[in-house]
Protein backbone atom coordinates (compact mmCIF):
# COMPACT_ATOMS: atom_id res chain seq x y z
CA GLN A 1 -16.95 8.21 4.60
CA VAL A 2 -14.29 6.17 2.83
CA GLN A 3 -13.62 2.46 3.28
CA LEU A 4 -10.52 0.53 2.21
CA VAL A 5 -9.94 -3.23 2.00
CA GLU A 6 -6.52 -4.79 1.35
CA SER A 7 -5.98 -8.23 -0.13
CA GLY A 8 -3.27 -10.34 -1.74
CA GLY A 9 -0.99 -11.10 1.19
CA GLY A 10 0.46 -14.50 1.94
CA LEU A 11 3.61 -16.57 2.24
CA VAL A 12 6.27 -16.13 -0.46
CA GLN A 13 9.84 -17.37 -0.79
CA ALA A 14 12.68 -14.87 -0.91
CA GLY A 15 13.20 -13.59 -4.44
CA GLY A 16 9.53 -13.98 -5.33
CA SER A 17 6.87 -11.43 -6.20
CA LEU A 18 3.51 -10.42 -4.81
CA ARG A 19 0.84 -7.89 -5.79
CA LEU A 20 -1.36 -6.37 -3.11
CA SER A 21 -4.70 -4.74 -3.91
CA CYS A 22 -6.61 -2.04 -2.06
CA VAL A 23 -10.24 -1.44 -3.03
CA VAL A 24 -11.57 1.98 -2.07
CA SER A 25 -15.29 2.64 -1.66
CA GLY A 26 -17.61 5.28 -0.26
CA ARG A 27 -17.17 8.97 -0.98
CA THR A 28 -14.15 8.54 -3.27
CA SER A 29 -14.50 12.06 -4.66
CA SER A 30 -13.08 13.35 -1.37
CA ILE A 31 -9.78 11.44 -1.73
CA TYR A 32 -6.60 13.41 -2.35
CA ALA A 33 -4.10 10.54 -2.11
CA VAL A 34 -3.75 6.91 -1.05
CA GLY A 35 -0.67 5.64 0.76
CA TRP A 36 0.84 2.21 1.29
CA PHE A 37 2.42 1.43 4.67
CA ARG A 38 3.84 -1.54 6.52
CA GLN A 39 4.61 -2.42 10.11
CA ALA A 40 6.84 -5.24 11.30
CA PRO A 41 6.68 -6.58 14.88
CA GLY A 42 8.46 -4.27 17.31
CA LYS A 43 9.09 -1.60 14.69
CA GLU A 44 7.55 1.73 13.76
CA ARG A 45 5.04 1.97 10.94
CA GLU A 46 6.83 2.80 7.69
CA VAL A 47 5.52 4.64 4.64
CA LEU A 48 6.29 2.78 1.41
CA GLY A 49 4.76 5.09 -1.16
CA ILE A 50 1.97 7.50 -1.98
CA ILE A 51 -0.11 7.93 -5.12
CA ARG A 52 -2.11 11.08 -5.81
CA TRP A 53 -5.59 10.00 -6.80
CA SER A 54 -6.28 12.59 -9.47
CA ASP A 55 -3.23 12.13 -11.71
CA ALA A 56 -1.29 9.13 -10.29
CA THR A 57 1.72 11.20 -9.24
CA LEU A 58 3.99 8.87 -7.24
CA TYR A 59 6.30 8.96 -4.29
CA VAL A 60 8.17 5.75 -3.42
CA THR A 61 10.51 5.40 -0.46
CA ASP A 62 14.18 5.06 -1.44
CA SER A 63 14.62 1.84 0.51
CA VAL A 64 12.18 -0.04 -1.75
CA LYS A 65 12.52 1.97 -4.96
CA GLY A 66 13.35 -0.35 -7.85
CA ARG A 67 11.65 -3.32 -6.20
CA PHE A 68 8.21 -1.90 -5.33
CA THR A 69 5.88 0.17 -7.50
CA ILE A 70 2.39 1.61 -7.04
CA SER A 71 -0.43 2.09 -9.53
CA ARG A 72 -4.14 2.82 -9.48
CA ASP A 73 -7.20 2.07 -11.60
CA LEU A 74 -9.88 4.72 -11.19
CA ALA A 75 -12.55 2.65 -12.95
CA LYS A 76 -12.07 -0.09 -10.34
CA SER A 77 -11.38 2.31 -7.45
CA THR A 78 -8.33 0.20 -6.70
CA THR A 79 -4.65 0.82 -5.99
CA TYR A 80 -1.97 -1.86 -6.36
CA LEU A 81 1.37 -2.41 -4.66
CA GLN A 82 3.61 -4.58 -6.86
CA MET A 83 6.48 -6.11 -4.89
CA ASN A 84 9.38 -7.88 -6.61
CA SER A 85 12.64 -9.44 -5.40
CA LEU A 86 11.18 -9.91 -1.95
CA LYS A 87 13.45 -10.29 1.07
CA PRO A 88 12.84 -11.73 4.55
CA GLU A 89 13.01 -8.19 5.97
CA ASP A 90 9.90 -7.33 3.92
CA THR A 91 7.85 -9.47 6.32
CA ALA A 92 5.18 -7.20 7.83
CA VAL A 93 1.52 -6.29 7.89
CA TYR A 94 0.79 -4.06 4.90
CA TYR A 95 -1.85 -1.31 4.98
CA CYS A 96 -3.42 1.19 2.63
CA ALA A 97 -4.89 4.48 3.83
CA ALA A 98 -6.64 7.49 2.31
CA ASP A 99 -5.79 11.16 2.75
CA SER A 100 -8.86 13.35 2.25
CA THR A 101 -7.27 16.61 3.42
CA SER A 102 -4.20 16.98 1.14
CA ALA A 103 -2.25 17.72 4.33
CA GLY A 104 -0.67 14.29 4.78
CA LYS A 105 -3.14 13.14 7.42
CA TYR A 106 -4.51 9.67 6.74
CA ASP A 107 -8.03 9.50 8.15
CA HIS A 108 -9.20 6.18 6.73
CA TRP A 109 -7.32 2.88 7.05
CA GLY A 110 -7.79 -0.67 5.90
CA GLN A 111 -7.39 -3.60 8.29
CA GLY A 112 -4.13 -4.79 6.75
CA THR A 113 -2.88 -7.92 5.02
CA GLN A 114 -0.03 -10.10 6.29
CA VAL A 115 3.03 -10.71 4.10
CA ILE A 116 5.58 -13.33 5.18
CA ILE A 117 8.79 -13.90 3.23
CA SER A 118 10.60 -17.14 3.95
CA SER A 119 14.31 -17.73 3.42
């Protein structure tokens, strides 16, 4: 089993920055990739980016490319979502999730952390 815990959310003014952390524990050797997602009220869940666990290969969604970036630290079993130039429309609950199949199915999810951007 794999467990994930997000942290680092909070209230930030527009134009500010925030770094979210996701600590992964359990059977980490089974992880193929970890993804970052967000969901705003009344909207579909959106994928922000994916990092392959073995070599840190990245995919970042075009809509946030240039403002958001993803990294990981294997020694700490942690992935980070760095968010810069934040906008009110970035307000959402942010999640990390692990793919243990390499097929794009995310079987293990954290509980989420709330990010609110004020204008």
